[in-house]
Structures are given as structure tokens and as C-alpha cells.
């Protein structure tokens, strides 16, 4: 029999954020601290897409991909992504939060934006008990990564 707790969202994690190891098969040990899809995020997304569609007879399907990418990058920065860890540049230096956020609208880093949306979707869809268990299994910040690099 299904239990009610399996259907209870972790509204605290959705609102305040949680660390998510996104998908090791696709993104290695990358972890993103993200909120879930809050009402504020959904409302902002709806409004921005509607405004972008105005020049196209309000047809959302005609919004150019570059415009959507800009909107998505802005939404990730403003509403979802709070931190990153286990990500280094090609010289092995930890990627700071600010540098990470700056990459999210860049087409060269599409996979990072995709990882952020995947992480936010997991925070949104997980039941409260699953988020608590996942956070308990999360690895500590890797050596050489300062807390400032994670949260700056």
C-alpha cells in the first residue's frame, strides 16, 4: 500500500535549497545546491516567456533558442542555483559560485545549465524523506576547495 509520506514534498528543500549530486554517469561527482521549482520561479518563467513571445504573435514555439537560453540562465541565477562543488577548471582550481553562475547562459556550457535544471527537478520531485537521505549521503567538500569557493 502506498504511504502518504511518499507523496509529501520537502517544501523546505524546495524553498531553501539542498545539495544534489546530479547524476554521476553524466556529470561525475558534480554537486549543485539548488532550490526546487518554487512558485516564484514558475511565475517568473511564465512571465518572461510570455514577454519574449509577444513579437511572435504570442507563440512560445517561435521564441529563438538564444533568447530562451538567456531567459533560462537568468532564471537559474535568480531563483534556483545557490552553490556548486566538486567542479574544477582545467588547471584543477575550484570553480567559484560566481564563475559557475556566469557560465549558465553561455552556449559552451549548456551541460552545466542542464545539470542545474536536473538538480532542481530532483529537489522538486523528491519526497521529504528522500531529500534527507540524499543529503546524508552527499560527500563533503573536496580537498583543495575552500568554503569561500563553494559559497562565493
N, C-alpha and C. Protein backbone atom coordinates (compact mmCIF):
# COMPACT_ATOMS: atom_id res chain seq x y z
N UNK A 1 0.84 -1.17 0.00
CA UNK A 1 0.00 0.00 0.00
C UNK A 1 0.89 1.24 0.00
N UNK A 2 0.53 2.22 -0.77
CA UNK A 2 1.29 3.48 -0.83
C UNK A 2 1.14 4.22 0.49
N UNK A 3 2.23 4.88 0.88
CA UNK A 3 2.20 5.67 2.11
C UNK A 3 2.11 7.14 1.75
N UNK A 4 1.37 7.87 2.54
CA UNK A 4 1.20 9.30 2.32
C UNK A 4 2.54 10.03 2.31
N UNK A 5 3.49 9.61 3.14
CA UNK A 5 4.79 10.28 3.21
C UNK A 5 5.55 10.19 1.89
N UNK A 6 5.25 9.19 1.05
CA UNK A 6 5.89 9.09 -0.25
C UNK A 6 5.46 10.20 -1.19
N UNK A 7 4.38 10.88 -0.87
CA UNK A 7 3.83 11.92 -1.73
C UNK A 7 4.02 13.32 -1.15
N UNK A 8 4.61 13.40 0.05
CA UNK A 8 4.82 14.68 0.69
C UNK A 8 6.12 15.29 0.19
N UNK A 9 6.03 16.43 -0.47
CA UNK A 9 7.22 17.12 -0.96
C UNK A 9 7.97 17.75 0.20
N UNK A 10 9.25 17.88 0.03
CA UNK A 10 10.06 18.56 1.03
C UNK A 10 10.02 20.05 0.69
N UNK A 11 9.00 20.73 1.15
CA UNK A 11 8.80 22.14 0.82
C UNK A 11 9.93 23.01 1.37
N UNK A 12 10.55 22.58 2.46
CA UNK A 12 11.70 23.34 2.98
C UNK A 12 12.86 23.28 1.99
N UNK A 13 13.17 22.10 1.47
CA UNK A 13 14.26 21.96 0.49
C UNK A 13 13.91 22.70 -0.80
N UNK A 14 12.65 22.64 -1.22
CA UNK A 14 12.24 23.35 -2.43
C UNK A 14 12.45 24.85 -2.26
N UNK A 15 12.12 25.37 -1.11
CA UNK A 15 12.23 26.81 -0.86
C UNK A 15 13.65 27.25 -0.50
N UNK A 16 14.32 26.47 0.35
CA UNK A 16 15.63 26.88 0.88
C UNK A 16 16.81 26.28 0.13
N UNK A 17 16.58 25.19 -0.59
CA UNK A 17 17.64 24.55 -1.35
C UNK A 17 18.21 23.32 -0.66
N UNK A 18 18.87 22.50 -1.45
CA UNK A 18 19.53 21.29 -0.96
C UNK A 18 20.69 20.98 -1.90
N UNK A 19 21.71 20.30 -1.37
CA UNK A 19 22.81 19.84 -2.19
C UNK A 19 22.39 18.57 -2.90
N UNK A 20 22.59 18.53 -4.20
CA UNK A 20 22.23 17.36 -5.00
C UNK A 20 23.43 16.93 -5.82
N UNK A 21 23.82 15.66 -5.68
CA UNK A 21 24.78 15.08 -6.63
C UNK A 21 23.94 14.69 -7.83
N UNK A 22 24.13 15.41 -8.90
CA UNK A 22 23.17 15.39 -10.00
C UNK A 22 23.02 14.01 -10.63
N UNK A 23 24.06 13.51 -11.25
CA UNK A 23 24.00 12.21 -11.92
C UNK A 23 25.44 11.83 -12.25
N UNK A 24 25.99 10.92 -11.50
CA UNK A 24 27.41 10.59 -11.66
C UNK A 24 27.73 10.06 -13.06
N UNK A 25 26.80 9.37 -13.69
CA UNK A 25 27.04 8.85 -15.02
C UNK A 25 27.21 9.98 -16.05
N UNK A 26 26.52 11.08 -15.84
CA UNK A 26 26.57 12.20 -16.78
C UNK A 26 27.50 13.33 -16.35
N UNK A 27 27.60 13.56 -15.04
CA UNK A 27 28.29 14.75 -14.56
C UNK A 27 29.36 14.45 -13.52
N UNK A 28 29.83 13.20 -13.44
CA UNK A 28 30.83 12.80 -12.47
C UNK A 28 30.30 13.11 -11.07
N UNK A 29 31.12 13.68 -10.18
CA UNK A 29 30.66 13.91 -8.81
C UNK A 29 30.18 15.35 -8.58
N UNK A 30 29.84 16.06 -9.64
CA UNK A 30 29.33 17.43 -9.54
C UNK A 30 28.13 17.49 -8.60
N UNK A 31 28.19 18.45 -7.68
CA UNK A 31 27.07 18.69 -6.78
C UNK A 31 26.63 20.14 -6.91
N UNK A 32 25.33 20.32 -6.94
CA UNK A 32 24.74 21.64 -7.08
C UNK A 32 23.79 21.86 -5.91
N UNK A 33 23.95 23.00 -5.26
CA UNK A 33 22.99 23.39 -4.23
C UNK A 33 21.93 24.22 -4.93
N UNK A 34 20.71 23.75 -4.89
CA UNK A 34 19.64 24.39 -5.64
C UNK A 34 18.32 24.33 -4.90
N UNK A 35 17.51 25.31 -5.18
CA UNK A 35 16.12 25.25 -4.75
C UNK A 35 15.38 24.38 -5.75
N UNK A 36 14.18 24.00 -5.38
CA UNK A 36 13.30 23.34 -6.33
C UNK A 36 12.52 24.39 -7.10
N UNK A 37 11.59 23.93 -7.89
CA UNK A 37 10.77 24.84 -8.70
C UNK A 37 9.71 25.49 -7.81
N UNK A 38 10.08 26.62 -7.24
CA UNK A 38 9.18 27.37 -6.37
C UNK A 38 8.11 28.07 -7.19
N UNK A 39 7.07 28.53 -6.52
CA UNK A 39 6.04 29.32 -7.21
C UNK A 39 6.66 30.56 -7.84
N UNK A 40 7.61 31.18 -7.15
CA UNK A 40 8.25 32.39 -7.68
C UNK A 40 8.99 32.08 -8.98
N UNK A 41 9.68 30.95 -9.02
CA UNK A 41 10.39 30.55 -10.23
C UNK A 41 9.40 30.32 -11.37
N UNK A 42 8.37 29.55 -11.12
CA UNK A 42 7.39 29.22 -12.16
C UNK A 42 6.70 30.49 -12.68
N UNK A 43 6.32 31.38 -11.76
CA UNK A 43 5.67 32.63 -12.17
C UNK A 43 6.62 33.49 -13.01
N UNK A 44 7.88 33.59 -12.61
CA UNK A 44 8.85 34.38 -13.37
C UNK A 44 9.10 33.77 -14.74
N UNK A 45 9.21 32.46 -14.79
CA UNK A 45 9.42 31.78 -16.06
C UNK A 45 8.24 32.03 -17.01
N UNK A 46 7.04 31.89 -16.51
CA UNK A 46 5.85 32.10 -17.32
C UNK A 46 5.81 33.53 -17.86
N UNK A 47 6.06 34.50 -16.99
CA UNK A 47 6.03 35.91 -17.40
C UNK A 47 7.11 36.22 -18.43
N UNK A 48 8.32 35.75 -18.21
CA UNK A 48 9.42 36.05 -19.13
C UNK A 48 9.22 35.41 -20.49
N UNK A 49 8.71 34.19 -20.50
CA UNK A 49 8.45 33.55 -21.79
C UNK A 49 7.29 34.24 -22.52
N UNK A 50 6.28 34.67 -21.78
CA UNK A 50 5.17 35.38 -22.41
C UNK A 50 5.65 36.69 -23.04
N UNK A 51 6.50 37.41 -22.33
CA UNK A 51 7.05 38.66 -22.87
C UNK A 51 7.92 38.40 -24.10
N UNK A 52 8.70 37.34 -24.05
CA UNK A 52 9.57 37.00 -25.18
C UNK A 52 8.76 36.58 -26.40
N UNK A 53 7.58 36.04 -26.17
CA UNK A 53 6.73 35.57 -27.28
C UNK A 53 5.92 36.70 -27.92
N UNK A 54 5.80 37.85 -27.27
CA UNK A 54 4.98 38.94 -27.80
C UNK A 54 5.30 39.30 -29.24
N UNK A 55 6.59 39.45 -29.61
CA UNK A 55 6.89 39.81 -31.01
C UNK A 55 6.55 38.69 -32.01
N UNK A 56 6.22 37.53 -31.51
CA UNK A 56 5.94 36.37 -32.36
C UNK A 56 4.47 35.95 -32.25
N UNK A 57 3.59 36.94 -32.16
CA UNK A 57 2.15 36.65 -32.03
C UNK A 57 1.84 35.80 -30.81
N UNK A 58 2.62 35.99 -29.76
CA UNK A 58 2.45 35.24 -28.51
C UNK A 58 2.61 33.73 -28.67
N UNK A 59 3.35 33.33 -29.70
CA UNK A 59 3.59 31.92 -29.97
C UNK A 59 4.91 31.51 -29.30
N UNK A 60 4.81 30.80 -28.20
CA UNK A 60 6.01 30.39 -27.44
C UNK A 60 6.97 29.56 -28.28
N UNK A 61 6.46 28.82 -29.25
CA UNK A 61 7.32 27.95 -30.05
C UNK A 61 8.22 28.74 -30.99
N UNK A 62 7.93 30.01 -31.20
CA UNK A 62 8.73 30.83 -32.11
C UNK A 62 9.82 31.63 -31.41
N UNK A 63 9.91 31.52 -30.11
CA UNK A 63 10.98 32.22 -29.37
C UNK A 63 12.32 31.61 -29.80
N UNK A 64 13.24 32.44 -30.26
CA UNK A 64 14.55 31.90 -30.67
C UNK A 64 15.27 31.22 -29.50
N UNK A 65 16.03 30.19 -29.84
CA UNK A 65 16.73 29.43 -28.82
C UNK A 65 17.68 30.31 -28.00
N UNK A 66 18.36 31.26 -28.63
CA UNK A 66 19.28 32.12 -27.91
C UNK A 66 18.54 32.95 -26.85
N UNK A 67 17.32 33.36 -27.15
CA UNK A 67 16.52 34.12 -26.19
C UNK A 67 16.12 33.21 -25.04
N UNK A 68 15.70 32.00 -25.33
CA UNK A 68 15.34 31.04 -24.29
C UNK A 68 16.54 30.74 -23.39
N UNK A 69 17.72 30.59 -24.00
CA UNK A 69 18.92 30.30 -23.22
C UNK A 69 19.22 31.45 -22.26
N UNK A 70 19.06 32.68 -22.72
CA UNK A 70 19.28 33.83 -21.85
C UNK A 70 18.27 33.85 -20.71
N UNK A 71 17.03 33.60 -21.03
CA UNK A 71 15.97 33.56 -20.00
C UNK A 71 16.29 32.46 -18.99
N UNK A 72 16.63 31.28 -19.48
CA UNK A 72 16.93 30.16 -18.58
C UNK A 72 18.13 30.45 -17.69
N UNK A 73 19.18 31.02 -18.24
CA UNK A 73 20.36 31.36 -17.44
C UNK A 73 20.01 32.35 -16.34
N UNK A 74 19.22 33.37 -16.70
CA UNK A 74 18.80 34.35 -15.70
C UNK A 74 17.95 33.71 -14.61
N UNK A 75 17.04 32.82 -15.00
CA UNK A 75 16.18 32.15 -14.01
C UNK A 75 17.00 31.27 -13.07
N UNK A 76 17.96 30.54 -13.63
CA UNK A 76 18.82 29.71 -12.79
C UNK A 76 19.56 30.56 -11.77
N UNK A 77 20.13 31.66 -12.22
CA UNK A 77 20.90 32.54 -11.33
C UNK A 77 20.01 33.20 -10.27
N UNK A 78 18.84 33.66 -10.68
CA UNK A 78 18.00 34.44 -9.78
C UNK A 78 17.16 33.60 -8.81
N UNK A 79 16.77 32.40 -9.22
CA UNK A 79 15.79 31.65 -8.42
C UNK A 79 16.24 30.28 -7.95
N UNK A 80 17.19 29.64 -8.60
CA UNK A 80 17.45 28.24 -8.28
C UNK A 80 18.83 27.97 -7.70
N UNK A 81 19.88 28.24 -8.41
CA UNK A 81 21.22 27.78 -8.03
C UNK A 81 21.79 28.62 -6.89
N UNK A 82 22.23 27.92 -5.85
CA UNK A 82 22.80 28.56 -4.67
C UNK A 82 24.30 28.29 -4.51
N UNK A 83 24.77 27.16 -5.02
CA UNK A 83 26.17 26.82 -4.86
C UNK A 83 26.57 25.66 -5.75
N UNK A 84 27.87 25.43 -5.82
CA UNK A 84 28.42 24.33 -6.61
C UNK A 84 29.65 23.79 -5.89
N UNK A 85 29.87 22.51 -6.02
CA UNK A 85 31.10 21.91 -5.50
C UNK A 85 31.48 20.72 -6.37
N UNK A 86 32.73 20.33 -6.21
CA UNK A 86 33.30 19.23 -6.99
C UNK A 86 33.39 19.57 -8.48
N UNK A 87 33.69 20.84 -8.76
CA UNK A 87 33.90 21.28 -10.14
C UNK A 87 35.16 22.12 -10.18
N UNK A 88 36.09 21.74 -11.05
CA UNK A 88 37.35 22.46 -11.17
C UNK A 88 37.55 22.91 -12.61
N UNK A 89 38.34 23.98 -12.77
CA UNK A 89 38.69 24.40 -14.12
C UNK A 89 39.77 23.44 -14.65
N UNK A 90 40.22 23.67 -15.86
CA UNK A 90 41.18 22.75 -16.49
C UNK A 90 42.54 22.74 -15.80
N UNK A 91 42.81 23.75 -14.96
CA UNK A 91 44.06 23.77 -14.19
C UNK A 91 43.90 23.14 -12.81
N UNK A 92 42.69 22.63 -12.52
CA UNK A 92 42.43 21.98 -11.25
C UNK A 92 41.97 22.92 -10.15
N UNK A 93 41.78 24.19 -10.46
CA UNK A 93 41.32 25.15 -9.46
C UNK A 93 39.80 25.06 -9.32
N UNK A 94 39.29 25.10 -8.09
CA UNK A 94 37.84 25.03 -7.89
C UNK A 94 37.13 26.19 -8.59
N UNK A 95 36.02 25.86 -9.21
CA UNK A 95 35.19 26.88 -9.85
C UNK A 95 34.35 27.55 -8.77
N UNK A 96 34.42 28.86 -8.70
CA UNK A 96 33.64 29.58 -7.69
C UNK A 96 32.18 29.64 -8.09
N UNK A 97 31.35 29.93 -7.12
CA UNK A 97 29.92 30.07 -7.36
C UNK A 97 29.67 31.16 -8.41
N UNK A 98 30.34 32.30 -8.27
CA UNK A 98 30.13 33.39 -9.22
C UNK A 98 30.53 33.00 -10.64
N UNK A 99 31.66 32.32 -10.78
CA UNK A 99 32.07 31.87 -12.11
C UNK A 99 31.08 30.85 -12.67
N UNK A 100 30.63 29.96 -11.81
CA UNK A 100 29.65 28.97 -12.23
C UNK A 100 28.37 29.64 -12.73
N UNK A 101 27.88 30.58 -11.94
CA UNK A 101 26.65 31.29 -12.33
C UNK A 101 26.81 32.02 -13.66
N UNK A 102 27.98 32.60 -13.88
CA UNK A 102 28.24 33.33 -15.12
C UNK A 102 28.20 32.42 -16.34
N UNK A 103 28.51 31.16 -16.16
CA UNK A 103 28.53 30.21 -17.29
C UNK A 103 27.15 29.73 -17.71
N UNK A 104 26.15 29.93 -16.88
CA UNK A 104 24.86 29.28 -17.10
C UNK A 104 24.09 29.76 -18.32
N UNK A 105 24.39 30.91 -18.86
CA UNK A 105 23.74 31.35 -20.08
C UNK A 105 24.60 31.19 -21.32
N UNK A 106 25.82 30.68 -21.12
CA UNK A 106 26.79 30.53 -22.20
C UNK A 106 26.53 29.22 -22.94
N UNK A 107 26.34 29.29 -24.27
CA UNK A 107 26.06 28.05 -25.02
C UNK A 107 27.18 27.01 -24.91
N UNK A 108 28.41 27.45 -24.64
CA UNK A 108 29.52 26.50 -24.50
C UNK A 108 29.35 25.63 -23.26
N UNK A 109 28.54 26.09 -22.30
CA UNK A 109 28.35 25.35 -21.05
C UNK A 109 26.90 24.90 -20.89
N UNK A 110 26.30 24.53 -21.99
CA UNK A 110 24.92 24.04 -21.97
C UNK A 110 24.74 22.91 -20.96
N UNK A 111 25.72 22.01 -20.89
CA UNK A 111 25.60 20.85 -19.98
C UNK A 111 25.50 21.29 -18.52
N UNK A 112 26.17 22.37 -18.15
CA UNK A 112 26.07 22.85 -16.77
C UNK A 112 24.66 23.36 -16.48
N UNK A 113 24.08 24.11 -17.42
CA UNK A 113 22.70 24.58 -17.23
C UNK A 113 21.76 23.39 -17.14
N UNK A 114 21.96 22.39 -17.99
CA UNK A 114 21.12 21.19 -17.96
C UNK A 114 21.25 20.49 -16.61
N UNK A 115 22.47 20.41 -16.09
CA UNK A 115 22.68 19.78 -14.79
C UNK A 115 21.92 20.54 -13.69
N UNK A 116 21.90 21.87 -13.79
CA UNK A 116 21.18 22.68 -12.80
C UNK A 116 19.69 22.39 -12.84
N UNK A 117 19.13 22.34 -14.04
CA UNK A 117 17.70 22.04 -14.15
C UNK A 117 17.40 20.61 -13.67
N UNK A 118 18.30 19.68 -13.97
CA UNK A 118 18.12 18.30 -13.47
C UNK A 118 18.12 18.29 -11.94
N UNK A 119 19.06 19.02 -11.34
CA UNK A 119 19.15 19.06 -9.88
C UNK A 119 17.90 19.69 -9.27
N UNK A 120 17.45 20.80 -9.85
CA UNK A 120 16.24 21.46 -9.34
C UNK A 120 15.03 20.55 -9.47
N UNK A 121 14.95 19.81 -10.55
CA UNK A 121 13.86 18.86 -10.72
C UNK A 121 13.88 17.76 -9.68
N UNK A 122 15.07 17.33 -9.31
CA UNK A 122 15.18 16.30 -8.28
C UNK A 122 14.76 16.83 -6.92
N UNK A 123 15.14 18.07 -6.60
CA UNK A 123 14.71 18.65 -5.33
C UNK A 123 13.19 18.77 -5.31
N UNK A 124 12.61 19.16 -6.43
CA UNK A 124 11.16 19.35 -6.52
C UNK A 124 10.41 18.04 -6.40
N UNK A 125 10.90 16.99 -7.04
CA UNK A 125 10.13 15.75 -7.12
C UNK A 125 10.38 14.77 -5.99
N UNK A 126 11.45 14.95 -5.26
CA UNK A 126 11.74 14.01 -4.18
C UNK A 126 10.81 14.23 -3.00
N UNK A 127 10.46 13.13 -2.40
CA UNK A 127 9.70 13.21 -1.15
C UNK A 127 10.64 13.69 -0.05
N UNK A 128 10.09 14.21 1.00
CA UNK A 128 10.87 14.78 2.10
C UNK A 128 11.91 13.79 2.62
N UNK A 129 11.54 12.55 2.81
CA UNK A 129 12.46 11.56 3.35
C UNK A 129 13.60 11.27 2.38
N UNK A 130 13.33 11.31 1.07
CA UNK A 130 14.38 11.07 0.07
C UNK A 130 15.42 12.18 0.09
N UNK A 131 14.99 13.43 0.23
CA UNK A 131 15.94 14.55 0.26
C UNK A 131 16.83 14.43 1.49
N UNK A 132 16.24 14.11 2.63
CA UNK A 132 17.04 13.95 3.85
C UNK A 132 18.08 12.84 3.67
N UNK A 133 17.68 11.73 3.08
CA UNK A 133 18.61 10.61 2.87
C UNK A 133 19.69 11.00 1.88
N UNK A 134 19.33 11.69 0.79
CA UNK A 134 20.32 12.09 -0.21
C UNK A 134 21.32 13.07 0.36
N UNK A 135 20.86 13.98 1.18
CA UNK A 135 21.77 14.96 1.78
C UNK A 135 22.74 14.27 2.74
N UNK A 136 22.29 13.22 3.39
CA UNK A 136 23.15 12.47 4.30
C UNK A 136 24.22 11.69 3.56
N UNK A 137 23.97 11.33 2.31
CA UNK A 137 24.93 10.58 1.51
C UNK A 137 25.86 11.48 0.71
N UNK A 138 25.66 12.77 0.76
CA UNK A 138 26.46 13.71 -0.01
C UNK A 138 27.87 13.76 0.53
N UNK A 139 28.83 13.78 -0.37
CA UNK A 139 30.24 13.83 0.04
C UNK A 139 30.58 15.21 0.56
N UNK A 140 31.54 15.29 1.47
CA UNK A 140 31.97 16.61 1.94
C UNK A 140 32.67 17.36 0.81
N UNK A 141 32.87 18.65 1.00
CA UNK A 141 33.57 19.45 0.02
C UNK A 141 34.93 18.83 -0.23
N UNK A 142 35.31 18.70 -1.51
CA UNK A 142 36.57 18.04 -1.85
C UNK A 142 37.76 18.84 -1.35
N UNK A 143 38.86 18.14 -1.10
CA UNK A 143 40.05 18.82 -0.60
C UNK A 143 40.53 19.83 -1.63
N UNK A 144 41.05 20.93 -1.13
CA UNK A 144 41.50 21.98 -2.03
C UNK A 144 40.41 22.96 -2.39
N UNK A 145 39.18 22.66 -2.00
CA UNK A 145 38.07 23.57 -2.26
C UNK A 145 37.75 24.29 -0.97
N UNK A 146 37.96 25.58 -0.97
CA UNK A 146 37.64 26.32 0.24
C UNK A 146 36.14 26.56 0.32
N UNK A 147 35.65 26.78 1.50
CA UNK A 147 34.24 27.07 1.66
C UNK A 147 33.88 28.35 0.91
N UNK A 148 34.84 29.30 0.84
CA UNK A 148 34.60 30.53 0.09
C UNK A 148 34.39 30.23 -1.39
N UNK A 149 35.13 29.28 -1.92
CA UNK A 149 34.97 28.94 -3.34
C UNK A 149 33.63 28.31 -3.60
N UNK A 150 33.11 27.59 -2.62
CA UNK A 150 31.81 26.95 -2.77
C UNK A 150 30.69 27.98 -2.68
N UNK A 151 30.81 28.90 -1.77
CA UNK A 151 29.71 29.81 -1.49
C UNK A 151 29.92 31.23 -2.00
N UNK A 152 31.01 31.51 -2.69
CA UNK A 152 31.23 32.87 -3.14
C UNK A 152 30.59 33.14 -4.47
